[in-house]
Structure formats: structure tokens, C-alpha cells
Amino acid sequence: MRVVKKSEDRKNEILDAVDELFGHKGFDGTSTNDILEKVGIARGTLYHHFKSKEDIMDALIDRYAVRLIDGAQEVAADKSIPIVERIIRVVMALNLSGGSSEQIMEHIHKPQNALMHQKIQKVIINGVPPILTEIIREGIQQGLFSTPFPYECMEMVVIYASTVFDDDLVVMTEKERSSRIVAFVCNVERLLGAESGSLMDVMGMFGEGDENSRD
């Protein structure tokens, strides 16, 4: 007897299969026939759930985005974590400097998945600044920061972090990367009107900023 699955279950099954196929073959290297064979469905069933291969990729990106943004929001909402440490942990949750989404980001960073990479960057640049802004506003209320532009500051921070610290866009030696991290944190302190060294001290907890120090 033919098994009829719920629409959402079938969509997730397709996305799971496509996730694996894109990982091995990339977006361009994966054909519609590959997807049909992998899932074991008819072409009509596939197009009932998704209009095109591009539509499938968008749905896969949406699923990645939910995981990334949910992880960042979970950290941001944890008031038991000090404000400055929370900011660093939110960034790390996105795997811009490591974190829990490492496997997702490694997959997206494969050369054959450049379009997926571009789309997930758009999600990060649009979705993360509002999360960080709420933490900055808490910091302003507590006298840790002093800036009339909390959102704009976080937008600058996220755009820089998601581009310059992206190995696909800027190739750096470990020494160059370490130097940029120190400069980046130093300038974030200035943007936020934070006490000099306050963010750098927290970075040291995560093994960053140790090789270079400011005079």
C-alpha cells in the first residue's frame, strides 16, 4: 500500500535529501532527477511542494536561518549571562568566530554552494543586528555603553564580522586574523562608548585576543 505522508513531513524529507545532495554535489551539480531518486518520489510530488530547485534552496536557507537566529536569540535572552559576554556569545552562535552552527556553516562555505552562502549572509546581516541591539540597550541602561546609535553600531559590527572574518572573502594568516580581531574589538569599544579593554577581557575567555595586546 502506498504511504501518504503529511505535507510538512514530505517537505522536510525533501529538504533533508537536498541538504545532503547539495553537500556532496553543490547546488548547480544537483539535478532534479537526483532529488527524485534520493527521496523516491514522482516529479509531480516534488513540484507540488516546491516550484523549482531554486525554491527548494530558498526553503533550505530558511531552515538554516531559523536555526542560526533561534540560537542567537536564545543566548541574547539569557539574562544570567553578563551583557558583554552575551554579545560575544551571540556572535559565536552564528559561527562567525566559532560556535554551535559549525556544521551548517561549513556546508554553506563549500565553493559549490556560493549562492547559499550569499543568501545566508543576507539573513545574518538583516536578522542579527536587532538581536544585538536589545543587548546594547540593556548595557546603556546599566551604564556600560554610551551611544545614540545602538542599531547602527550593531549593523556595522555584523557586516564587518560576516565579511572580513569570512575565509571565503578575505584570506588571512592566523597572525593577521588575530591582529584584526584585536583591532575589531578595540573599535567596537569605541563605537559603543565602552570602557577601554572591557570587551577585550571577555574575548580572552574564548581564546581570542591573546596573541596581540594594546599598549
N, C-alpha and C. Protein backbone atom coordinates (compact mmCIF):
# COMPACT_ATOMS: atom_id res chain seq x y z
N MET A 1 0.85 -1.20 0.00
CA MET A 1 0.00 0.00 0.00
C MET A 1 0.88 1.25 0.00
N ARG A 2 0.52 2.21 -0.84
CA ARG A 2 1.30 3.43 -0.95
C ARG A 2 1.17 4.26 0.32
N VAL A 3 2.30 4.72 0.83
CA VAL A 3 2.31 5.53 2.05
C VAL A 3 2.11 7.00 1.69
N VAL A 4 1.09 7.62 2.26
CA VAL A 4 0.83 9.04 2.03
C VAL A 4 1.29 9.82 3.25
N LYS A 5 2.25 10.70 3.05
CA LYS A 5 2.80 11.46 4.17
C LYS A 5 2.17 12.84 4.24
N LYS A 6 2.13 13.38 5.45
CA LYS A 6 1.65 14.75 5.63
C LYS A 6 2.54 15.70 4.85
N SER A 7 1.96 16.81 4.40
CA SER A 7 2.68 17.76 3.55
C SER A 7 3.98 18.25 4.20
N GLU A 8 3.92 18.61 5.49
CA GLU A 8 5.10 19.14 6.16
C GLU A 8 6.17 18.07 6.31
N ASP A 9 5.74 16.83 6.58
CA ASP A 9 6.69 15.73 6.68
C ASP A 9 7.39 15.48 5.36
N ARG A 10 6.63 15.51 4.28
CA ARG A 10 7.20 15.29 2.95
C ARG A 10 8.17 16.41 2.59
N LYS A 11 7.79 17.64 2.89
CA LYS A 11 8.68 18.76 2.60
C LYS A 11 9.99 18.64 3.34
N ASN A 12 9.92 18.26 4.61
CA ASN A 12 11.15 18.09 5.40
C ASN A 12 11.99 16.94 4.88
N GLU A 13 11.33 15.90 4.41
CA GLU A 13 12.05 14.76 3.83
C GLU A 13 12.82 15.21 2.58
N ILE A 14 12.16 16.00 1.76
CA ILE A 14 12.81 16.53 0.56
C ILE A 14 13.99 17.42 0.93
N LEU A 15 13.78 18.30 1.91
CA LEU A 15 14.84 19.21 2.32
C LEU A 15 16.03 18.46 2.92
N ASP A 16 15.76 17.41 3.69
CA ASP A 16 16.84 16.60 4.25
C ASP A 16 17.68 15.98 3.13
N ALA A 17 16.99 15.47 2.11
CA ALA A 17 17.69 14.84 0.99
C ALA A 17 18.49 15.86 0.20
N VAL A 18 17.88 17.02 -0.05
CA VAL A 18 18.55 18.06 -0.82
C VAL A 18 19.76 18.61 -0.05
N ASP A 19 19.61 18.73 1.25
CA ASP A 19 20.73 19.17 2.09
C ASP A 19 21.94 18.27 1.88
N GLU A 20 21.69 16.97 1.89
CA GLU A 20 22.77 16.01 1.69
C GLU A 20 23.33 16.09 0.27
N LEU A 21 22.45 16.20 -0.72
CA LEU A 21 22.90 16.28 -2.12
C LEU A 21 23.71 17.54 -2.39
N PHE A 22 23.23 18.68 -1.88
CA PHE A 22 23.97 19.93 -2.07
C PHE A 22 25.34 19.84 -1.40
N GLY A 23 25.40 19.13 -0.28
CA GLY A 23 26.68 18.98 0.41
C GLY A 23 27.69 18.22 -0.41
N HIS A 24 27.23 17.24 -1.16
CA HIS A 24 28.13 16.42 -1.99
C HIS A 24 28.37 17.01 -3.38
N LYS A 25 27.29 17.51 -3.99
CA LYS A 25 27.36 17.93 -5.40
C LYS A 25 27.26 19.43 -5.60
N GLY A 26 26.82 20.15 -4.56
CA GLY A 26 26.58 21.57 -4.73
C GLY A 26 25.23 21.82 -5.39
N PHE A 27 24.82 23.09 -5.41
CA PHE A 27 23.52 23.44 -5.99
C PHE A 27 23.48 23.16 -7.48
N ASP A 28 24.48 23.67 -8.21
CA ASP A 28 24.49 23.51 -9.66
C ASP A 28 24.67 22.05 -10.08
N GLY A 29 25.40 21.29 -9.27
CA GLY A 29 25.68 19.90 -9.63
C GLY A 29 24.56 18.93 -9.29
N THR A 30 23.54 19.40 -8.59
CA THR A 30 22.41 18.55 -8.21
C THR A 30 21.27 18.75 -9.19
N SER A 31 20.84 17.67 -9.82
CA SER A 31 19.73 17.76 -10.78
C SER A 31 18.41 17.41 -10.10
N THR A 32 17.33 17.77 -10.76
CA THR A 32 16.01 17.40 -10.24
C THR A 32 15.88 15.89 -10.16
N ASN A 33 16.44 15.18 -11.14
CA ASN A 33 16.39 13.72 -11.12
C ASN A 33 17.13 13.15 -9.92
N ASP A 34 18.24 13.80 -9.53
CA ASP A 34 18.97 13.37 -8.33
C ASP A 34 18.05 13.43 -7.11
N ILE A 35 17.29 14.50 -7.01
CA ILE A 35 16.40 14.70 -5.87
C ILE A 35 15.29 13.65 -5.87
N LEU A 36 14.70 13.43 -7.06
CA LEU A 36 13.61 12.45 -7.17
C LEU A 36 14.09 11.06 -6.77
N GLU A 37 15.28 10.71 -7.25
CA GLU A 37 15.84 9.39 -6.94
C GLU A 37 16.17 9.26 -5.46
N LYS A 38 16.73 10.33 -4.89
CA LYS A 38 17.13 10.30 -3.48
C LYS A 38 15.91 10.14 -2.56
N VAL A 39 14.85 10.88 -2.85
CA VAL A 39 13.67 10.84 -1.99
C VAL A 39 12.75 9.68 -2.34
N GLY A 40 12.79 9.26 -3.62
CA GLY A 40 11.91 8.19 -4.05
C GLY A 40 10.50 8.65 -4.30
N ILE A 41 10.37 9.81 -4.97
CA ILE A 41 9.05 10.37 -5.26
C ILE A 41 8.94 10.69 -6.74
N ALA A 42 7.71 10.95 -7.16
CA ALA A 42 7.46 11.33 -8.55
C ALA A 42 7.70 12.82 -8.73
N ARG A 43 7.93 13.23 -9.98
CA ARG A 43 8.18 14.64 -10.28
C ARG A 43 7.01 15.52 -9.85
N GLY A 44 5.80 15.03 -10.05
CA GLY A 44 4.63 15.80 -9.68
C GLY A 44 4.57 16.07 -8.18
N THR A 45 5.01 15.09 -7.39
CA THR A 45 5.02 15.26 -5.93
C THR A 45 6.02 16.35 -5.53
N LEU A 46 7.19 16.32 -6.18
CA LEU A 46 8.20 17.34 -5.88
C LEU A 46 7.68 18.74 -6.18
N TYR A 47 7.08 18.90 -7.38
CA TYR A 47 6.61 20.22 -7.78
C TYR A 47 5.31 20.63 -7.07
N HIS A 48 4.67 19.69 -6.41
CA HIS A 48 3.53 20.04 -5.57
C HIS A 48 3.99 20.83 -4.34
N HIS A 49 5.19 20.49 -3.86
CA HIS A 49 5.73 21.13 -2.66
C HIS A 49 6.65 22.30 -2.97
N PHE A 50 7.37 22.23 -4.08
CA PHE A 50 8.33 23.28 -4.45
C PHE A 50 8.21 23.58 -5.94
N LYS A 51 8.24 24.86 -6.29
CA LYS A 51 8.06 25.27 -7.67
C LYS A 51 9.29 24.96 -8.53
N SER A 52 10.48 24.99 -7.91
CA SER A 52 11.72 24.83 -8.67
C SER A 52 12.84 24.42 -7.72
N LYS A 53 14.00 24.12 -8.29
CA LYS A 53 15.16 23.81 -7.46
C LYS A 53 15.57 25.03 -6.65
N GLU A 54 15.42 26.22 -7.24
CA GLU A 54 15.73 27.46 -6.52
C GLU A 54 14.79 27.64 -5.33
N ASP A 55 13.54 27.24 -5.50
CA ASP A 55 12.57 27.32 -4.42
C ASP A 55 12.96 26.38 -3.27
N ILE A 56 13.49 25.22 -3.63
CA ILE A 56 13.96 24.28 -2.62
C ILE A 56 15.13 24.88 -1.85
N MET A 57 16.06 25.51 -2.58
CA MET A 57 17.21 26.10 -1.92
C MET A 57 16.78 27.21 -0.97
N ASP A 58 15.81 28.02 -1.38
CA ASP A 58 15.32 29.08 -0.50
C ASP A 58 14.72 28.50 0.78
N ALA A 59 14.00 27.39 0.64
CA ALA A 59 13.42 26.75 1.82
C ALA A 59 14.50 26.19 2.72
N LEU A 60 15.57 25.67 2.13
CA LEU A 60 16.68 25.14 2.91
C LEU A 60 17.39 26.27 3.65
N ILE A 61 17.57 27.40 2.98
CA ILE A 61 18.17 28.57 3.62
C ILE A 61 17.30 29.06 4.77
N ASP A 62 15.99 29.05 4.55
CA ASP A 62 15.07 29.46 5.62
C ASP A 62 15.25 28.56 6.84
N ARG A 63 15.44 27.28 6.61
CA ARG A 63 15.61 26.35 7.72
C ARG A 63 16.93 26.62 8.44
N TYR A 64 18.01 26.86 7.68
CA TYR A 64 19.28 27.24 8.30
C TYR A 64 19.11 28.52 9.11
N ALA A 65 18.40 29.48 8.51
CA ALA A 65 18.25 30.79 9.14
C ALA A 65 17.54 30.67 10.49
N VAL A 66 16.51 29.85 10.53
CA VAL A 66 15.78 29.66 11.78
C VAL A 66 16.70 29.12 12.86
N ARG A 67 17.55 28.14 12.51
CA ARG A 67 18.48 27.57 13.48
C ARG A 67 19.47 28.62 13.98
N LEU A 68 20.01 29.39 13.05
CA LEU A 68 21.01 30.39 13.41
C LEU A 68 20.41 31.50 14.27
N ILE A 69 19.30 32.06 13.81
CA ILE A 69 18.68 33.18 14.53
C ILE A 69 18.12 32.72 15.86
N ASP A 70 17.52 31.52 15.90
CA ASP A 70 17.00 31.00 17.17
C ASP A 70 18.13 30.82 18.18
N GLY A 71 19.28 30.33 17.71
CA GLY A 71 20.42 30.16 18.60
C GLY A 71 20.89 31.49 19.17
N ALA A 72 20.95 32.51 18.30
CA ALA A 72 21.37 33.84 18.74
C ALA A 72 20.36 34.43 19.72
N GLN A 73 19.07 34.26 19.45
CA GLN A 73 18.03 34.81 20.34
C GLN A 73 18.03 34.12 21.69
N GLU A 74 18.30 32.82 21.69
CA GLU A 74 18.34 32.08 22.95
C GLU A 74 19.45 32.61 23.86
N VAL A 75 20.61 32.87 23.27
CA VAL A 75 21.72 33.42 24.05
C VAL A 75 21.39 34.83 24.52
N ALA A 76 20.85 35.64 23.62
CA ALA A 76 20.54 37.03 23.95
C ALA A 76 19.54 37.15 25.08
N ALA A 77 18.63 36.18 25.18
CA ALA A 77 17.57 36.25 26.19
C ALA A 77 18.00 35.75 27.56
N ASP A 78 19.20 35.16 27.64
CA ASP A 78 19.66 34.59 28.90
C ASP A 78 20.27 35.68 29.78
N LYS A 79 19.45 36.25 30.65
CA LYS A 79 19.88 37.37 31.48
C LYS A 79 20.89 36.96 32.56
N SER A 80 21.08 35.65 32.73
CA SER A 80 22.08 35.19 33.71
C SER A 80 23.50 35.38 33.19
N ILE A 81 23.63 35.60 31.88
CA ILE A 81 24.95 35.84 31.28
C ILE A 81 25.21 37.34 31.27
N PRO A 82 26.36 37.80 31.75
CA PRO A 82 26.68 39.24 31.72
C PRO A 82 26.55 39.80 30.32
N ILE A 83 26.19 41.07 30.24
CA ILE A 83 25.88 41.70 28.96
C ILE A 83 27.02 41.59 27.94
N VAL A 84 28.22 41.94 28.35
CA VAL A 84 29.35 41.92 27.40
C VAL A 84 29.61 40.50 26.92
N GLU A 85 29.54 39.54 27.81
CA GLU A 85 29.76 38.15 27.42
C GLU A 85 28.65 37.67 26.49
N ARG A 86 27.43 38.16 26.74
CA ARG A 86 26.30 37.77 25.89
C ARG A 86 26.49 38.22 24.45
N ILE A 87 27.04 39.41 24.28
CA ILE A 87 27.29 39.93 22.92
C ILE A 87 28.24 38.99 22.18
N ILE A 88 29.33 38.61 22.85
CA ILE A 88 30.32 37.72 22.22
C ILE A 88 29.68 36.38 21.91
N ARG A 89 28.87 35.86 22.82
CA ARG A 89 28.26 34.55 22.62
C ARG A 89 27.25 34.56 21.47
N VAL A 90 26.55 35.67 21.29
CA VAL A 90 25.62 35.78 20.16
C VAL A 90 26.38 35.66 18.85
N VAL A 91 27.50 36.38 18.75
CA VAL A 91 28.31 36.31 17.53
C VAL A 91 28.84 34.89 17.33
N MET A 92 29.27 34.25 18.41
CA MET A 92 29.81 32.90 18.30
C MET A 92 28.73 31.89 17.92
N ALA A 93 27.49 32.14 18.33
CA ALA A 93 26.38 31.26 17.98
C ALA A 93 26.15 31.22 16.48
N LEU A 94 26.59 32.27 15.78
CA LEU A 94 26.46 32.34 14.33
C LEU A 94 27.65 31.73 13.62
N ASN A 95 28.60 31.27 14.40
CA ASN A 95 29.84 30.69 13.90
C ASN A 95 30.66 31.69 13.09
N LEU A 96 30.52 32.97 13.38
CA LEU A 96 31.39 33.95 12.76
C LEU A 96 32.75 33.87 13.42
N SER A 97 32.77 33.37 14.65
CA SER A 97 34.03 33.14 15.33
C SER A 97 34.02 31.77 16.00
N GLY A 98 33.26 30.84 15.44
CA GLY A 98 33.10 29.51 16.03
C GLY A 98 31.67 29.35 16.49
N GLY A 99 31.36 28.31 17.22
CA GLY A 99 30.03 28.19 17.78
C GLY A 99 29.29 26.94 17.40
N SER A 100 28.02 26.89 17.79
CA SER A 100 27.24 25.67 17.69
C SER A 100 26.77 25.35 16.28
N SER A 101 26.85 26.30 15.35
CA SER A 101 26.36 26.08 13.99
C SER A 101 27.49 25.72 13.03
N GLU A 102 28.56 25.17 13.54
CA GLU A 102 29.75 24.91 12.73
C GLU A 102 29.47 24.03 11.52
N GLN A 103 28.72 22.95 11.71
CA GLN A 103 28.46 22.04 10.60
C GLN A 103 27.64 22.73 9.51
N ILE A 104 26.66 23.51 9.91
CA ILE A 104 25.85 24.24 8.93
C ILE A 104 26.73 25.18 8.12
N MET A 105 27.57 25.96 8.81
CA MET A 105 28.38 26.96 8.12
C MET A 105 29.46 26.32 7.26
N GLU A 106 30.01 25.20 7.68
CA GLU A 106 30.99 24.50 6.84
C GLU A 106 30.34 24.06 5.53
N HIS A 107 29.12 23.58 5.64
CA HIS A 107 28.37 23.17 4.46
C HIS A 107 28.16 24.34 3.51
N ILE A 108 27.72 25.47 4.04
CA ILE A 108 27.43 26.64 3.22
C ILE A 108 28.70 27.22 2.61
N HIS A 109 29.85 27.07 3.31
CA HIS A 109 31.09 27.65 2.83
C HIS A 109 31.76 26.85 1.73
N LYS A 110 31.19 25.71 1.36
CA LYS A 110 31.79 24.95 0.27
C LYS A 110 31.67 25.75 -1.02
N PRO A 111 32.73 25.74 -1.88
CA PRO A 111 32.72 26.54 -3.10
C PRO A 111 31.48 26.32 -3.97
N GLN A 112 31.00 25.08 -4.02
CA GLN A 112 29.85 24.78 -4.88
C GLN A 112 28.54 25.34 -4.33
N ASN A 113 28.57 25.86 -3.12
CA ASN A 113 27.36 26.40 -2.51
C ASN A 113 27.44 27.91 -2.30
N ALA A 114 28.10 28.61 -3.23
CA ALA A 114 28.32 30.05 -3.10
C ALA A 114 27.01 30.83 -3.01
N LEU A 115 26.00 30.41 -3.77
CA LEU A 115 24.73 31.13 -3.74
C LEU A 115 24.04 30.96 -2.39
N MET A 116 24.12 29.75 -1.83
CA MET A 116 23.58 29.54 -0.49
C MET A 116 24.29 30.40 0.53
N HIS A 117 25.61 30.50 0.38
CA HIS A 117 26.43 31.31 1.27
C HIS A 117 25.96 32.76 1.22
N GLN A 118 25.76 33.27 0.03
CA GLN A 118 25.33 34.66 -0.14
C GLN A 118 23.98 34.90 0.52
N LYS A 119 23.07 33.94 0.38
CA LYS A 119 21.74 34.11 0.94
C LYS A 119 21.75 34.05 2.47
N ILE A 120 22.57 33.18 3.04
CA ILE A 120 22.62 33.09 4.49
C ILE A 120 23.28 34.33 5.08
N GLN A 121 24.24 34.92 4.35
CA GLN A 121 24.83 36.18 4.81
C GLN A 121 23.78 37.28 4.87
N LYS A 122 22.89 37.28 3.90
CA LYS A 122 21.81 38.28 3.89
C LYS A 122 20.92 38.11 5.12
N VAL A 123 20.64 36.86 5.46
CA VAL A 123 19.83 36.57 6.65
C VAL A 123 20.52 37.11 7.90
N ILE A 124 21.83 36.84 8.01
CA ILE A 124 22.58 37.28 9.18
C ILE A 124 22.61 38.80 9.28
N ILE A 125 22.91 39.47 8.17
CA ILE A 125 23.04 40.92 8.18
C ILE A 125 21.71 41.60 8.50
N ASN A 126 20.61 40.98 8.11
CA ASN A 126 19.30 41.57 8.40
C ASN A 126 18.71 41.11 9.74
N GLY A 127 19.07 39.90 10.17
CA GLY A 127 18.43 39.34 11.34
C GLY A 127 19.15 39.52 12.66
N VAL A 128 20.47 39.68 12.62
CA VAL A 128 21.24 39.71 13.86
C VAL A 128 21.33 41.09 14.52
N PRO A 129 21.50 42.19 13.78
CA PRO A 129 21.57 43.50 14.45
C PRO A 129 20.43 43.80 15.42
N PRO A 130 19.16 43.47 15.08
CA PRO A 130 18.10 43.75 16.07
C PRO A 130 18.28 42.96 17.37
N ILE A 131 18.80 41.73 17.28
CA ILE A 131 19.02 40.92 18.48
C ILE A 131 20.10 41.56 19.35
N LEU A 132 21.20 41.95 18.72
CA LEU A 132 22.30 42.57 19.45
C LEU A 132 21.90 43.95 20.00
N THR A 133 21.07 44.65 19.25
CA THR A 133 20.65 45.99 19.68
C THR A 133 19.95 45.97 21.03
N GLU A 134 19.13 44.96 21.26
CA GLU A 134 18.43 44.85 22.54
C GLU A 134 19.42 44.67 23.69
N ILE A 135 20.50 43.91 23.45
CA ILE A 135 21.52 43.73 24.49
C ILE A 135 22.25 45.06 24.73
N ILE A 136 22.53 45.78 23.66
CA ILE A 136 23.23 47.07 23.80
C ILE A 136 22.37 48.05 24.60
N ARG A 137 21.07 48.04 24.36
CA ARG A 137 20.17 48.93 25.11
C ARG A 137 20.18 48.59 26.59
N GLU A 138 20.25 47.31 26.90
CA GLU A 138 20.40 46.91 28.31
C GLU A 138 21.69 47.50 28.88
N GLY A 139 22.77 47.40 28.08
CA GLY A 139 24.07 47.91 28.52
C GLY A 139 24.06 49.41 28.72
N ILE A 140 23.31 50.13 27.88
CA ILE A 140 23.19 51.58 28.03
C ILE A 140 22.48 51.90 29.35
N GLN A 141 21.41 51.16 29.64
CA GLN A 141 20.67 51.38 30.89
C GLN A 141 21.54 51.12 32.12
N GLN A 142 22.47 50.17 31.98
CA GLN A 142 23.33 49.82 33.10
C GLN A 142 24.61 50.66 33.15
N GLY A 143 24.76 51.59 32.19
CA GLY A 143 25.92 52.46 32.18
C GLY A 143 27.18 51.83 31.61
N LEU A 144 27.04 50.67 30.92
CA LEU A 144 28.20 50.03 30.32
C LEU A 144 28.57 50.64 28.97
N PHE A 145 27.54 51.11 28.26
CA PHE A 145 27.74 51.69 26.94
C PHE A 145 27.13 53.09 26.88
N SER A 146 27.59 53.85 25.90
CA SER A 146 27.05 55.18 25.69
C SER A 146 27.08 55.49 24.20
N THR A 147 25.95 55.26 23.53
CA THR A 147 25.85 55.56 22.11
C THR A 147 24.41 55.89 21.77
N PRO A 148 24.20 56.91 20.93
CA PRO A 148 22.83 57.22 20.50
C PRO A 148 22.39 56.36 19.31
N PHE A 149 23.30 55.49 18.83
CA PHE A 149 23.02 54.69 17.64
C PHE A 149 23.25 53.19 17.89
N PRO A 150 22.52 52.58 18.80
CA PRO A 150 22.77 51.16 19.11
C PRO A 150 22.56 50.24 17.91
N TYR A 151 21.48 50.47 17.15
CA TYR A 151 21.22 49.59 16.00
C TYR A 151 22.29 49.77 14.92
N GLU A 152 22.59 51.03 14.60
CA GLU A 152 23.57 51.29 13.54
C GLU A 152 24.94 50.71 13.90
N CYS A 153 25.31 50.81 15.17
CA CYS A 153 26.59 50.25 15.62
C CYS A 153 26.61 48.74 15.41
N MET A 154 25.52 48.08 15.77
CA MET A 154 25.47 46.62 15.64
C MET A 154 25.40 46.19 14.18
N GLU A 155 24.78 47.01 13.36
CA GLU A 155 24.75 46.72 11.92
C GLU A 155 26.16 46.75 11.36
N MET A 156 26.94 47.76 11.73
CA MET A 156 28.33 47.85 11.28
C MET A 156 29.14 46.66 11.76
N VAL A 157 28.94 46.29 13.02
CA VAL A 157 29.67 45.17 13.61
C VAL A 157 29.38 43.88 12.87
N VAL A 158 28.10 43.61 12.62
CA VAL A 158 27.70 42.36 11.97
C VAL A 158 28.20 42.29 10.53
N ILE A 159 28.09 43.41 9.81
CA ILE A 159 28.55 43.42 8.42
C ILE A 159 30.05 43.18 8.34
N TYR A 160 30.80 43.83 9.22
CA TYR A 160 32.26 43.63 9.22
C TYR A 160 32.60 42.19 9.59
N ALA A 161 31.98 41.70 10.67
CA ALA A 161 32.29 40.36 11.15
C ALA A 161 31.93 39.28 10.15
N SER A 162 30.83 39.48 9.43
CA SER A 162 30.36 38.45 8.50
C SER A 162 31.04 38.52 7.14
N THR A 163 31.88 39.54 6.93
CA THR A 163 32.61 39.63 5.66
C THR A 163 34.11 39.47 5.86
N VAL A 164 34.70 40.32 6.68
CA VAL A 164 36.15 40.28 6.87
C VAL A 164 36.59 38.98 7.53
N PHE A 165 35.80 38.45 8.46
CA PHE A 165 36.17 37.21 9.13
C PHE A 165 35.61 35.98 8.42
N ASP A 166 35.20 36.17 7.18
CA ASP A 166 34.73 35.07 6.35
C ASP A 166 35.88 34.61 5.47
N ASP A 167 36.34 33.40 5.67
CA ASP A 167 37.52 32.90 4.95
C ASP A 167 37.32 32.87 3.45
N ASP A 168 36.06 32.82 2.99
CA ASP A 168 35.81 32.82 1.55
C ASP A 168 36.07 34.18 0.91
N LEU A 169 35.96 35.25 1.69
CA LEU A 169 36.07 36.60 1.14
C LEU A 169 37.43 37.23 1.41
N VAL A 170 37.98 37.01 2.59
CA VAL A 170 39.26 37.61 2.96
C VAL A 170 40.18 36.49 3.48
N VAL A 171 41.26 36.26 2.74
CA VAL A 171 42.22 35.23 3.13
C VAL A 171 43.26 35.85 4.06
N MET A 172 43.42 35.25 5.25
CA MET A 172 44.35 35.79 6.24
C MET A 172 45.16 34.66 6.86
N THR A 173 46.37 35.01 7.28
CA THR A 173 47.13 34.09 8.12
C THR A 173 46.54 34.17 9.53
N GLU A 174 46.92 33.23 10.39
CA GLU A 174 46.44 33.25 11.76
C GLU A 174 46.88 34.53 12.48
N LYS A 175 48.10 34.97 12.19
CA LYS A 175 48.61 36.19 12.81
C LYS A 175 47.80 37.41 12.35
N GLU A 176 47.49 37.46 11.06
CA GLU A 176 46.69 38.58 10.53
C GLU A 176 45.28 38.55 11.12
N ARG A 177 44.73 37.37 11.23
CA ARG A 177 43.38 37.23 11.80
C ARG A 177 43.35 37.70 13.25
N SER A 178 44.36 37.28 14.01
CA SER A 178 44.44 37.68 15.41
C SER A 178 44.55 39.19 15.55
N SER A 179 45.36 39.80 14.67
CA SER A 179 45.53 41.26 14.71
C SER A 179 44.22 41.97 14.39
N ARG A 180 43.50 41.45 13.40
CA ARG A 180 42.23 42.07 13.03
C ARG A 180 41.19 41.94 14.14
N ILE A 181 41.21 40.81 14.84
CA ILE A 181 40.26 40.62 15.94
C ILE A 181 40.50 41.67 17.02
N VAL A 182 41.78 41.90 17.34
CA VAL A 182 42.10 42.90 18.35
C VAL A 182 41.64 44.29 17.90
N ALA A 183 41.94 44.64 16.64
CA ALA A 183 41.54 45.94 16.11
C ALA A 183 40.02 46.06 16.08
N PHE A 184 39.36 44.98 15.69
CA PHE A 184 37.90 44.97 15.62
C PHE A 184 37.27 45.23 16.98
N VAL A 185 37.73 44.50 17.99
CA VAL A 185 37.17 44.66 19.33
C VAL A 185 37.47 46.05 19.89
N CYS A 186 38.67 46.54 19.62
CA CYS A 186 39.04 47.89 20.07
C CYS A 186 38.09 48.93 19.50
N ASN A 187 37.78 48.81 18.21
CA ASN A 187 36.91 49.78 17.56
C ASN A 187 35.44 49.61 17.96
N VAL A 188 35.03 48.38 18.29
CA VAL A 188 33.67 48.18 18.79
C VAL A 188 33.51 48.87 20.14
N GLU A 189 34.55 48.79 20.97
CA GLU A 189 34.51 49.50 22.26
C GLU A 189 34.30 51.00 22.04
N ARG A 190 34.99 51.55 21.07
CA ARG A 190 34.85 52.98 20.80
C ARG A 190 33.47 53.31 20.24
N LEU A 191 32.96 52.47 19.35
CA LEU A 191 31.63 52.68 18.80
C LEU A 191 30.57 52.73 19.90
N LEU A 192 30.72 51.85 20.87
CA LEU A 192 29.72 51.71 21.92
C LEU A 192 29.96 52.64 23.11
N GLY A 193 31.11 53.33 23.10
CA GLY A 193 31.44 54.16 24.25
C GLY A 193 31.71 53.33 25.48
N ALA A 194 32.25 52.12 25.27
CA ALA A 194 32.52 51.21 26.39
C ALA A 194 33.88 51.52 27.00
N GLU A 195 34.07 51.06 28.22
CA GLU A 195 35.35 51.23 28.88
C GLU A 195 36.44 50.49 28.11
N SER A 196 37.57 51.14 27.93
CA SER A 196 38.66 50.53 27.18
C SER A 196 39.09 49.21 27.81
N GLY A 197 39.13 48.17 27.00
CA GLY A 197 39.54 46.86 27.47
C GLY A 197 38.41 45.97 27.95
N SER A 198 37.19 46.52 28.09
CA SER A 198 36.08 45.74 28.65
C SER A 198 35.67 44.58 27.74
N LEU A 199 35.62 44.81 26.44
CA LEU A 199 35.29 43.73 25.51
C LEU A 199 36.47 42.80 25.29
N MET A 200 37.68 43.35 25.29
CA MET A 200 38.87 42.54 25.08
C MET A 200 39.05 41.52 26.20
N ASP A 201 38.73 41.91 27.41
CA ASP A 201 38.84 40.99 28.55
C ASP A 201 37.93 39.78 28.35
N VAL A 202 36.72 40.02 27.82
CA VAL A 202 35.79 38.92 27.60
C VAL A 202 36.26 38.05 26.43
N MET A 203 36.82 38.67 25.40
CA MET A 203 37.34 37.89 24.27
C MET A 203 38.39 36.90 24.74
N GLY A 204 39.17 37.30 25.75
CA GLY A 204 40.21 36.42 26.28
C GLY A 204 39.64 35.14 26.85
N MET A 205 38.37 35.19 27.31
CA MET A 205 37.73 34.00 27.85
C MET A 205 37.53 32.93 26.78
N PHE A 206 37.45 33.38 25.53
CA PHE A 206 37.20 32.46 24.44
C PHE A 206 38.45 32.19 23.61
N GLY A 207 39.61 32.57 24.15
CA GLY A 207 40.86 32.29 23.47
C GLY A 207 41.18 33.23 22.34
N GLU A 208 40.51 34.37 22.27
CA GLU A 208 40.77 35.37 21.23
C GLU A 208 41.46 36.57 21.85
N GLY A 209 42.28 37.22 21.05
CA GLY A 209 42.91 38.46 21.50
C GLY A 209 44.09 38.24 22.41
N ASP A 210 44.56 36.98 22.53
CA ASP A 210 45.66 36.71 23.43
C ASP A 210 47.03 36.99 22.81
N GLU A 211 47.10 36.82 21.48
CA GLU A 211 48.40 36.94 20.84
C GLU A 211 48.81 38.39 20.65
N ASN A 212 47.84 39.28 20.63
CA ASN A 212 48.13 40.70 20.45
C ASN A 212 47.54 41.45 21.62
N SER A 213 48.17 42.47 22.04
CA SER A 213 47.64 43.31 23.10
C SER A 213 47.84 44.75 22.74
N ARG A 214 47.02 45.60 23.34
CA ARG A 214 47.15 47.02 23.08
C ARG A 214 48.02 47.66 24.12
N ASP A 215 48.76 48.66 23.71
CA ASP A 215 49.61 49.38 24.66
C ASP A 215 48.77 50.35 25.47
